[in-house]
Amino acid sequence: MSEAVAEPEIIYDTLPPDAISDELAPVVDELGLRENCRQLAMEGYTVVEDAAPPEFNARLRDKIREISPEPEGETRGANLLLAKDAVFAEAALNPKIMAMAEFSVGRGFLITQIASSIMPKGPFAIRLHADSSWLPAPFPAHNTLLTACWTPDGYDKESGATLVIPGSGNLRRHPNAEETEAKAGAIAIEAPPNSVAMWDGNIWHANWPRQTDGERVVCHVAYTRLMMRPVEDYSAHADELIERYGKRMSQLLGREDFLYSAGGFDPALGIPTQNNAKR
């Protein structure tokens, strides 16, 4: 006779937006991320240095260029990268970045998009915006989306770094037309090679035009809270990706919570999913 499976305990309290859960704290300390968590929560952005060895960053850079070879000298990029090469799955599943994502957008978080961009020298710059693009204002106090920008070569203002408006995330709204044009108070997120610049969904950001020769090659990996609809649909590749990468990939693709159960609500996942939503 098989033993009864114990019901998981229900979590009733919800953590504040800047809190590190008791479950995550040992991981954060082991990986040396506590200051990154503080900066991300308080300032809306941070840079995780030495997120991966130089060899990985070289592979990532080469693959980004390989999948977007033409036309040289123009801004270009690609989407749905999780299904295109193993190096992008490695970037998404990186332990430091996964820990930061859990801190920022909660336990049980999902992958929402993996995209690359290559920007040459020139005047190109994206419009100032907040990544909480699908939300009306005011944005929730708890962050809903985290973007992790892998910078294999590093970047600064002259080489086309991401710009942010410090304090704008506290407004919890989209910038208006005048603010978008003025970019008042903008600073560069300076990131050394082999690092990951990241920002939350509330902070206003864009990029500086690249003034130096060469190209800015980056990979954006975006994560979201478990109840949000992802930008990219990996359903056609999910089974293969989960078989290859295991439980953490299953979580990223929504297979560990009842919201994506193929047959509807799965009672066995009900309490764990509700608990994740509070962390």
C-alpha atoms as a PDB file:
ATOM      1  CA  MET A   1       0.000   0.000   0.000  1.00  0.00           C
ATOM      2  CA  SER A   2       1.496   3.318  -1.069  1.00  0.00           C
ATOM      3  CA  GLU A   3       1.951   6.094   1.457  1.00  0.00           C
ATOM      4  CA  ALA A   4      -0.234   9.163   1.184  1.00  0.00           C
ATOM      5  CA  VAL A   5       1.461  12.209  -0.309  1.00  0.00           C
ATOM      6  CA  ALA A   6       1.449  15.096   2.147  1.00  0.00           C
ATOM      7  CA  GLU A   7      -0.379  18.235   1.059  1.00  0.00           C
ATOM      8  CA  PRO A   8       2.011  21.188   0.676  1.00  0.00           C
ATOM      9  CA  GLU A   9       1.573  23.914   3.247  1.00  0.00           C
ATOM     10  CA  ILE A  10      -0.101  27.077   2.060  1.00  0.00           C
ATOM     11  CA  ILE A  11       1.877  30.330   2.205  1.00  0.00           C
ATOM     12  CA  TYR A  12      -0.362  33.161   3.355  1.00  0.00           C
ATOM     13  CA  ASP A  13       2.005  36.115   3.492  1.00  0.00           C
ATOM     14  CA  THR A  14       3.273  37.974   0.412  1.00  0.00           C
ATOM     15  CA  LEU A  15       6.838  39.273   0.444  1.00  0.00           C
ATOM     16  CA  PRO A  16       7.504  43.013  -0.077  1.00  0.00           C
ATOM     17  CA  PRO A  17       8.927  43.940  -3.511  1.00  0.00           C
ATOM     18  CA  ASP A  18      12.496  44.343  -2.215  1.00  0.00           C
ATOM     19  CA  ALA A  19      12.600  41.235   0.009  1.00  0.00           C
ATOM     20  CA  ILE A  20      14.760  38.184  -0.621  1.00  0.00           C
ATOM     21  CA  SER A  21      12.837  35.062   0.374  1.00  0.00           C
ATOM     22  CA  ASP A  22      14.246  32.694   2.994  1.00  0.00           C
ATOM     23  CA  GLU A  23      14.429  30.011   0.310  1.00  0.00           C
ATOM     24  CA  LEU A  24      16.392  32.188  -2.117  1.00  0.00           C
ATOM     25  CA  ALA A  25      18.706  33.932   0.356  1.00  0.00           C
ATOM     26  CA  PRO A  26      21.312  31.130   0.599  1.00  0.00           C
ATOM     27  CA  VAL A  27      21.575  30.999  -3.200  1.00  0.00           C
ATOM     28  CA  VAL A  28      21.937  34.786  -3.431  1.00  0.00           C
ATOM     29  CA  ASP A  29      24.700  34.768  -0.823  1.00  0.00           C
ATOM     30  CA  GLU A  30      26.533  31.819  -2.379  1.00  0.00           C
ATOM     31  CA  LEU A  31      26.549  33.574  -5.757  1.00  0.00           C
ATOM     32  CA  GLY A  32      27.491  36.974  -4.287  1.00  0.00           C
ATOM     33  CA  LEU A  33      24.358  38.736  -5.542  1.00  0.00           C
ATOM     34  CA  ARG A  34      23.031  40.517  -2.460  1.00  0.00           C
ATOM     35  CA  GLU A  35      24.252  43.956  -3.554  1.00  0.00           C
ATOM     36  CA  ASN A  36      22.843  43.339  -7.047  1.00  0.00           C
ATOM     37  CA  CYS A  37      19.453  42.556  -5.500  1.00  0.00           C
ATOM     38  CA  ARG A  38      19.571  45.741  -3.437  1.00  0.00           C
ATOM     39  CA  GLN A  39      20.512  47.892  -6.429  1.00  0.00           C
ATOM     40  CA  LEU A  40      17.898  46.322  -8.694  1.00  0.00           C
ATOM     41  CA  ALA A  41      15.161  46.842  -6.110  1.00  0.00           C
ATOM     42  CA  MET A  42      16.184  50.374  -5.135  1.00  0.00           C
ATOM     43  CA  GLU A  43      17.464  51.774  -8.436  1.00  0.00           C
ATOM     44  CA  GLY A  44      15.756  49.609 -11.054  1.00  0.00           C
ATOM     45  CA  TYR A  45      18.932  48.298 -12.696  1.00  0.00           C
ATOM     46  CA  THR A  46      22.195  46.502 -11.896  1.00  0.00           C
ATOM     47  CA  VAL A  47      25.138  44.775 -13.579  1.00  0.00           C
ATOM     48  CA  VAL A  48      26.118  41.196 -12.738  1.00  0.00           C
ATOM     49  CA  GLU A  49      29.810  40.856 -13.558  1.00  0.00           C
ATOM     50  CA  ASP A  50      31.519  37.601 -14.542  1.00  0.00           C
ATOM     51  CA  ALA A  51      28.151  35.930 -15.077  1.00  0.00           C
ATOM     52  CA  ALA A  52      29.846  33.302 -17.256  1.00  0.00           C
ATOM     53  CA  PRO A  53      33.392  32.457 -18.422  1.00  0.00           C
ATOM     54  CA  PRO A  54      34.882  34.400 -21.358  1.00  0.00           C
ATOM     55  CA  GLU A  55      34.630  31.241 -23.481  1.00  0.00           C
ATOM     56  CA  PHE A  56      30.835  31.247 -23.117  1.00  0.00           C
ATOM     57  CA  ASN A  57      30.574  34.905 -24.018  1.00  0.00           C
ATOM     58  CA  ALA A  58      32.680  34.328 -27.132  1.00  0.00           C
ATOM     59  CA  ARG A  59      30.359  31.499 -28.211  1.00  0.00           C
ATOM     60  CA  LEU A  60      27.325  33.669 -27.530  1.00  0.00           C
ATOM     61  CA  ARG A  61      28.707  36.564 -29.540  1.00  0.00           C
ATOM     62  CA  ASP A  62      29.688  34.324 -32.471  1.00  0.00           C
ATOM     63  CA  LYS A  63      26.272  32.671 -32.583  1.00  0.00           C
ATOM     64  CA  ILE A  64      24.441  36.017 -32.517  1.00  0.00           C
ATOM     65  CA  ARG A  65      26.491  37.175 -35.492  1.00  0.00           C
ATOM     66  CA  GLU A  66      25.995  33.850 -37.270  1.00  0.00           C
ATOM     67  CA  ILE A  67      22.202  33.950 -37.116  1.00  0.00           C
ATOM     68  CA  SER A  68      22.058  37.608 -38.254  1.00  0.00           C
ATOM     69  CA  PRO A  69      24.839  37.822 -40.867  1.00  0.00           C
ATOM     70  CA  GLU A  70      23.338  40.359 -43.234  1.00  0.00           C
ATOM     71  CA  PRO A  71      23.266  43.162 -44.009  1.00  0.00           C
ATOM     72  CA  GLU A  72      26.583  44.236 -42.487  1.00  0.00           C
ATOM     73  CA  GLY A  73      26.654  47.805 -41.241  1.00  0.00           C
ATOM     74  CA  GLU A  74      22.949  47.902 -40.379  1.00  0.00           C
ATOM     75  CA  THR A  75      21.071  47.336 -37.160  1.00  0.00           C
ATOM     76  CA  ARG A  76      19.741  43.784 -37.137  1.00  0.00           C
ATOM     77  CA  GLY A  77      18.656  41.019 -34.776  1.00  0.00           C
ATOM     78  CA  ALA A  78      16.675  37.832 -34.244  1.00  0.00           C
ATOM     79  CA  ASN A  79      13.931  36.449 -31.993  1.00  0.00           C
ATOM     80  CA  LEU A  80      12.743  33.071 -30.650  1.00  0.00           C
ATOM     81  CA  LEU A  81      16.355  32.197 -29.927  1.00  0.00           C
ATOM     82  CA  LEU A  82      15.657  29.555 -27.294  1.00  0.00           C
ATOM     83  CA  ALA A  83      14.843  27.086 -30.058  1.00  0.00           C
ATOM     84  CA  LYS A  84      17.756  28.082 -32.318  1.00  0.00           C
ATOM     85  CA  ASP A  85      20.885  27.078 -30.420  1.00  0.00           C
ATOM     86  CA  ALA A  86      21.956  25.610 -27.086  1.00  0.00           C
ATOM     87  CA  VAL A  87      24.007  28.686 -26.203  1.00  0.00           C
ATOM     88  CA  PHE A  88      20.798  30.705 -25.743  1.00  0.00           C
ATOM     89  CA  ALA A  89      19.369  28.104 -23.373  1.00  0.00           C
ATOM     90  CA  GLU A  90      22.624  28.326 -21.412  1.00  0.00           C
ATOM     91  CA  ALA A  91      22.185  32.088 -21.195  1.00  0.00           C
ATOM     92  CA  ALA A  92      18.584  31.747 -20.006  1.00  0.00           C
ATOM     93  CA  LEU A  93      19.416  29.057 -17.424  1.00  0.00           C
ATOM     94  CA  ASN A  94      22.557  30.726 -16.046  1.00  0.00           C
ATOM     95  CA  PRO A  95      22.441  30.289 -12.226  1.00  0.00           C
ATOM     96  CA  LYS A  96      23.230  33.930 -11.394  1.00  0.00           C
ATOM     97  CA  ILE A  97      20.627  35.263 -13.797  1.00  0.00           C
ATOM     98  CA  MET A  98      18.009  32.740 -12.672  1.00  0.00           C
ATOM     99  CA  ALA A  99      18.552  33.807  -9.057  1.00  0.00           C
ATOM    100  CA  MET A 100      18.164  37.481  -9.974  1.00  0.00           C
ATOM    101  CA  ALA A 101      15.018  36.668 -11.938  1.00  0.00           C
ATOM    102  CA  GLU A 102      13.476  34.836  -8.988  1.00  0.00           C
ATOM    103  CA  PHE A 103      14.265  37.807  -6.745  1.00  0.00           C
ATOM    104  CA  SER A 104      12.802  40.308  -9.208  1.00  0.00           C
ATOM    105  CA  VAL A 105       9.758  38.566 -10.714  1.00  0.00           C
ATOM    106  CA  GLY A 106       9.079  35.841  -8.181  1.00  0.00           C
ATOM    107  CA  ARG A 107       9.381  32.116  -7.767  1.00  0.00           C
ATOM    108  CA  GLY A 108       7.960  30.104 -10.660  1.00  0.00           C
ATOM    109  CA  PHE A 109       8.815  32.868 -13.157  1.00  0.00           C
ATOM    110  CA  LEU A 110       8.575  32.295 -16.923  1.00  0.00           C
ATOM    111  CA  ILE A 111      10.740  33.047 -19.923  1.00  0.00           C
ATOM    112  CA  THR A 112       8.992  35.671 -22.026  1.00  0.00           C
ATOM    113  CA  GLN A 113      11.496  36.486 -24.785  1.00  0.00           C
ATOM    114  CA  ILE A 114      15.054  35.846 -25.973  1.00  0.00           C
ATOM    115  CA  ALA A 115      16.212  38.235 -28.681  1.00  0.00           C
ATOM    116  CA  SER A 116      19.541  39.431 -30.069  1.00  0.00           C
ATOM    117  CA  SER A 117      20.585  42.725 -31.569  1.00  0.00           C
ATOM    118  CA  ILE A 118      23.619  43.967 -33.469  1.00  0.00           C
ATOM    119  CA  MET A 119      24.075  47.731 -33.617  1.00  0.00           C
ATOM    120  CA  PRO A 120      26.822  49.376 -35.729  1.00  0.00           C
ATOM    121  CA  LYS A 121      28.242  52.851 -35.377  1.00  0.00           C
ATOM    122  CA  GLY A 122      25.629  55.451 -36.231  1.00  0.00           C
ATOM    123  CA  PRO A 123      22.627  57.426 -35.012  1.00  0.00           C
ATOM    124  CA  PHE A 124      20.246  54.528 -34.302  1.00  0.00           C
ATOM    125  CA  ALA A 125      18.519  54.626 -30.913  1.00  0.00           C
ATOM    126  CA  ILE A 126      15.303  53.023 -29.699  1.00  0.00           C
ATOM    127  CA  ARG A 127      12.523  55.113 -28.207  1.00  0.00           C
ATOM    128  CA  LEU A 128      12.524  55.742 -24.446  1.00  0.00           C
ATOM    129  CA  HIS A 129      10.089  53.308 -22.841  1.00  0.00           C
ATOM    130  CA  ALA A 130       9.338  51.032 -19.890  1.00  0.00           C
ATOM    131  CA  ASP A 131       9.300  47.285 -20.501  1.00  0.00           C
ATOM    132  CA  SER A 132       5.935  47.007 -18.723  1.00  0.00           C
ATOM    133  CA  SER A 133       4.557  47.784 -22.165  1.00  0.00           C
ATOM    134  CA  TRP A 134       1.383  45.708 -21.812  1.00  0.00           C
ATOM    135  CA  LEU A 135       0.304  47.262 -18.507  1.00  0.00           C
ATOM    136  CA  PRO A 136      -1.752  50.400 -17.924  1.00  0.00           C
ATOM    137  CA  ALA A 137      -0.476  52.835 -15.321  1.00  0.00           C
ATOM    138  CA  PRO A 138       0.006  52.757 -12.430  1.00  0.00           C
ATOM    139  CA  PHE A 139       2.327  49.760 -12.689  1.00  0.00           C
ATOM    140  CA  PRO A 140       2.161  47.272  -9.808  1.00  0.00           C
ATOM    141  CA  ALA A 141       4.514  47.742  -6.875  1.00  0.00           C
ATOM    142  CA  HIS A 142       5.872  44.229  -7.502  1.00  0.00           C
ATOM    143  CA  ASN A 143       7.949  44.080 -10.678  1.00  0.00           C
ATOM    144  CA  THR A 144       6.426  42.008 -13.488  1.00  0.00           C
ATOM    145  CA  LEU A 145       9.275  41.816 -16.034  1.00  0.00           C
ATOM    146  CA  LEU A 146      13.072  41.600 -15.840  1.00  0.00           C
ATOM    147  CA  THR A 147      15.373  42.051 -18.831  1.00  0.00           C
ATOM    148  CA  ALA A 148      18.870  40.572 -18.638  1.00  0.00           C
ATOM    149  CA  CYS A 149      21.142  41.956 -21.366  1.00  0.00           C
ATOM    150  CA  TRP A 150      24.212  39.819 -22.031  1.00  0.00           C
ATOM    151  CA  THR A 151      27.102  42.049 -23.151  1.00  0.00           C
ATOM    152  CA  PRO A 152      29.943  39.789 -24.376  1.00  0.00           C
ATOM    153  CA  ASP A 153      32.131  42.786 -25.244  1.00  0.00           C
ATOM    154  CA  GLY A 154      30.866  45.078 -22.499  1.00  0.00           C
ATOM    155  CA  TYR A 155      29.523  48.530 -23.232  1.00  0.00           C
ATOM    156  CA  ASP A 156      29.586  52.173 -22.194  1.00  0.00           C
ATOM    157  CA  LYS A 157      27.947  55.354 -23.474  1.00  0.00           C
ATOM    158  CA  GLU A 158      30.232  55.716 -26.497  1.00  0.00           C
ATOM    159  CA  SER A 159      29.752  52.100 -27.596  1.00  0.00           C
ATOM    160  CA  GLY A 160      25.946  52.236 -27.430  1.00  0.00           C
ATOM    161  CA  ALA A 161      25.081  51.219 -23.873  1.00  0.00           C
ATOM    162  CA  THR A 162      21.566  51.055 -22.520  1.00  0.00           C
ATOM    163  CA  LEU A 163      20.555  54.377 -20.974  1.00  0.00           C
ATOM    164  CA  VAL A 164      18.266  54.629 -17.972  1.00  0.00           C
ATOM    165  CA  ILE A 165      16.503  57.501 -16.224  1.00  0.00           C
ATOM    166  CA  PRO A 166      17.265  57.046 -12.502  1.00  0.00           C
ATOM    167  CA  GLY A 167      14.138  57.388 -10.374  1.00  0.00           C
ATOM    168  CA  SER A 168      11.738  56.955 -13.288  1.00  0.00           C
ATOM    169  CA  GLY A 169      10.662  53.525 -12.105  1.00  0.00           C
ATOM    170  CA  ASN A 170       9.198  55.059  -8.963  1.00  0.00           C
ATOM    171  CA  LEU A 171       6.663  56.916 -11.119  1.00  0.00           C
ATOM    172  CA  ARG A 172       5.146  53.537 -12.120  1.00  0.00           C
ATOM    173  CA  ARG A 173       3.939  54.797 -15.490  1.00  0.00           C
ATOM    174  CA  HIS A 174       4.967  55.163 -19.121  1.00  0.00           C
ATOM    175  CA  PRO A 175       6.926  58.260 -20.201  1.00  0.00           C
ATOM    176  CA  ASN A 176       4.946  60.879 -22.084  1.00  0.00           C
ATOM    177  CA  ALA A 177       5.926  62.410 -25.433  1.00  0.00           C
ATOM    178  CA  GLU A 178       7.902  65.286 -23.911  1.00  0.00           C
ATOM    179  CA  GLU A 179       9.778  63.000 -21.519  1.00  0.00           C
ATOM    180  CA  THR A 180      10.520  60.562 -24.314  1.00  0.00           C
ATOM    181  CA  GLU A 181      12.073  63.332 -26.383  1.00  0.00           C
ATOM    182  CA  ALA A 182      14.021  65.023 -23.560  1.00  0.00           C
ATOM    183  CA  LYS A 183      15.499  61.948 -21.827  1.00  0.00           C
ATOM    184  CA  ALA A 184      16.302  64.262 -18.922  1.00  0.00           C
ATOM    185  CA  GLY A 185      18.739  62.816 -16.407  1.00  0.00           C
ATOM    186  CA  ALA A 186      19.717  59.841 -18.570  1.00  0.00           C
ATOM    187  CA  ILE A 187      22.834  57.888 -17.632  1.00  0.00           C
ATOM    188  CA  ALA A 188      24.568  54.905 -19.211  1.00  0.00           C
ATOM    189  CA  ILE A 189      24.581  51.430 -17.698  1.00  0.00           C
ATOM    190  CA  GLU A 190      28.286  50.691 -17.999  1.00  0.00           C
ATOM    191  CA  ALA A 191      29.005  46.967 -18.157  1.00  0.00           C
ATOM    192  CA  PRO A 192      32.436  45.320 -18.508  1.00  0.00           C
ATOM    193  CA  PRO A 193      32.954  42.356 -20.852  1.00  0.00           C
ATOM    194  CA  ASN A 194      31.429  39.031 -19.759  1.00  0.00           C
ATOM    195  CA  SER A 195      28.716  40.704 -17.726  1.00  0.00           C
ATOM    196  CA  VAL A 196      24.938  41.045 -17.768  1.00  0.00           C
ATOM    197  CA  ALA A 197      23.170  44.399 -17.441  1.00  0.00           C
ATOM    198  CA  MET A 198      19.628  44.077 -16.158  1.00  0.00           C
ATOM    199  CA  TRP A 199      16.696  46.338 -15.446  1.00  0.00           C
ATOM    200  CA  ASP A 200      13.150  45.996 -14.222  1.00  0.00           C
ATOM    201  CA  GLY A 201       9.924  46.615 -16.104  1.00  0.00           C
ATOM    202  CA  ASN A 202       9.250  50.048 -14.597  1.00  0.00           C
ATOM    203  CA  ILE A 203      12.439  51.998 -15.300  1.00  0.00           C
ATOM    204  CA  TRP A 204      12.504  54.179 -18.419  1.00  0.00           C
ATOM    205  CA  HIS A 205      15.319  53.231 -20.764  1.00  0.00           C
ATOM    206  CA  ALA A 206      16.574  53.361 -24.344  1.00  0.00           C
ATOM    207  CA  ASN A 207      20.120  53.239 -25.749  1.00  0.00           C
ATOM    208  CA  TRP A 208      22.849  55.682 -26.659  1.00  0.00           C
ATOM    209  CA  PRO A 209      23.795  55.831 -30.344  1.00  0.00           C
ATOM    210  CA  ARG A 210      27.067  54.017 -30.950  1.00  0.00           C
ATOM    211  CA  GLN A 211      29.951  56.456 -31.542  1.00  0.00           C
ATOM    212  CA  THR A 212      32.807  53.966 -31.775  1.00  0.00           C
ATOM    213  CA  ASP A 213      33.799  51.689 -34.642  1.00  0.00           C
ATOM    214  CA  GLY A 214      32.649  48.081 -34.678  1.00  0.00           C
ATOM    215  CA  GLU A 215      29.331  46.676 -33.489  1.00  0.00           C
ATOM    216  CA  ARG A 216      27.429  46.296 -30.231  1.00  0.00           C
ATOM    217  CA  VAL A 217      26.408  42.619 -30.016  1.00  0.00           C
ATOM    218  CA  VAL A 218      23.986  41.736 -27.205  1.00  0.00           C
ATOM    219  CA  CYS A 219      21.428  39.128 -26.207  1.00  0.00           C
ATOM    220  CA  HIS A 220      18.298  40.123 -24.284  1.00  0.00           C
ATOM    221  CA  VAL A 221      16.759  37.444 -22.072  1.00  0.00           C
ATOM    222  CA  ALA A 222      13.492  38.567 -20.487  1.00  0.00           C
ATOM    223  CA  TYR A 223      11.649  36.859 -17.627  1.00  0.00           C
ATOM    224  CA  THR A 224       8.163  37.545 -16.286  1.00  0.00           C
ATOM    225  CA  ARG A 225       5.907  36.634 -13.387  1.00  0.00           C
ATOM    226  CA  LEU A 226       4.091  33.344 -13.726  1.00  0.00           C
ATOM    227  CA  MET A 227       0.690  34.938 -14.378  1.00  0.00           C
ATOM    228  CA  MET A 228       1.886  37.107 -17.291  1.00  0.00           C
ATOM    229  CA  ARG A 229       1.528  36.151 -20.941  1.00  0.00           C
ATOM    230  CA  PRO A 230       4.967  35.574 -22.544  1.00  0.00           C
ATOM    231  CA  VAL A 231       5.935  37.532 -25.663  1.00  0.00           C
ATOM    232  CA  GLU A 232       7.262  34.444 -27.476  1.00  0.00           C
ATOM    233  CA  ASP A 233       5.428  31.136 -27.891  1.00  0.00           C
ATOM    234  CA  TYR A 234       7.682  28.094 -27.509  1.00  0.00           C
ATOM    235  CA  SER A 235       4.887  25.523 -27.387  1.00  0.00           C
ATOM    236  CA  ALA A 236       6.085  23.837 -30.594  1.00  0.00           C
ATOM    237  CA  HIS A 237       9.530  23.300 -29.040  1.00  0.00           C
ATOM    238  CA  ALA A 238       8.634  22.856 -25.361  1.00  0.00           C
ATOM    239  CA  ASP A 239       8.767  19.054 -25.122  1.00  0.00           C
ATOM    240  CA  GLU A 240      12.187  18.879 -26.769  1.00  0.00           C
ATOM    241  CA  LEU A 241      13.595  21.736 -24.688  1.00  0.00           C
ATOM    242  CA  ILE A 242      12.301  20.258 -21.427  1.00  0.00           C
ATOM    243  CA  GLU A 243      13.675  16.832 -22.271  1.00  0.00           C
ATOM    244  CA  ARG A 244      17.073  18.380 -22.969  1.00  0.00           C
ATOM    245  CA  TYR A 245      17.329  20.840 -20.078  1.00  0.00           C
ATOM    246  CA  GLY A 246      15.084  19.474 -17.352  1.00  0.00           C
ATOM    247  CA  LYS A 247      12.954  20.943 -14.592  1.00  0.00           C
ATOM    248  CA  ARG A 248      14.189  24.552 -14.669  1.00  0.00           C
ATOM    249  CA  MET A 249      13.381  24.765 -18.378  1.00  0.00           C
ATOM    250  CA  SER A 250       9.996  23.196 -17.613  1.00  0.00           C
ATOM    251  CA  GLN A 251       9.409  26.015 -15.148  1.00  0.00           C
ATOM    252  CA  LEU A 252      10.457  28.687 -17.648  1.00  0.00           C
ATOM    253  CA  LEU A 253       7.982  27.289 -20.174  1.00  0.00           C
ATOM    254  CA  GLY A 254       5.092  27.154 -17.695  1.00  0.00           C
ATOM    255  CA  ARG A 255       4.860  23.397 -17.268  1.00  0.00           C
ATOM    256  CA  GLU A 256       5.370  23.516 -13.473  1.00  0.00           C
ATOM    257  CA  ASP A 257       2.253  25.545 -12.698  1.00  0.00           C
ATOM    258  CA  PHE A 258      -1.444  24.931 -13.219  1.00  0.00           C
ATOM    259  CA  LEU A 259      -1.965  28.007 -15.373  1.00  0.00           C
ATOM    260  CA  TYR A 260      -0.590  26.160 -18.419  1.00  0.00           C
ATOM    261  CA  SER A 261      -1.957  22.669 -17.719  1.00  0.00           C
ATOM    262  CA  ALA A 262      -3.039  21.094 -21.002  1.00  0.00           C
ATOM    263  CA  GLY A 263      -6.186  19.617 -19.478  1.00  0.00           C
ATOM    264  CA  GLY A 264      -7.162  22.709 -17.515  1.00  0.00           C
ATOM    265  CA  PHE A 265      -6.674  23.271 -13.812  1.00  0.00           C
ATOM    266  CA  ASP A 266      -4.399  20.636 -12.224  1.00  0.00           C
ATOM    267  CA  PRO A 267      -5.272  20.318  -8.491  1.00  0.00           C
ATOM    268  CA  ALA A 268      -1.851  18.847  -7.697  1.00  0.00           C
ATOM    269  CA  LEU A 269      -0.205  22.080  -8.846  1.00  0.00           C
ATOM    270  CA  GLY A 270      -2.750  24.432  -7.280  1.00  0.00           C
ATOM    271  CA  ILE A 271      -1.112  25.165  -3.923  1.00  0.00           C
ATOM    272  CA  PRO A 272       2.497  25.212  -5.246  1.00  0.00           C
ATOM    273  CA  THR A 273       1.487  27.713  -7.919  1.00  0.00           C
ATOM    274  CA  GLN A 274      -0.299  29.949  -5.418  1.00  0.00           C
ATOM    275  CA  ASN A 275       2.703  29.742  -3.111  1.00  0.00           C
ATOM    276  CA  ASN A 276       5.087  30.702  -5.921  1.00  0.00           C
ATOM    277  CA  ALA A 277       2.927  33.728  -6.686  1.00  0.00           C
ATOM    278  CA  LYS A 278       3.580  35.047  -3.156  1.00  0.00           C
ATOM    279  CA  ARG A 279       7.376  34.736  -3.336  1.00  0.00           C
END
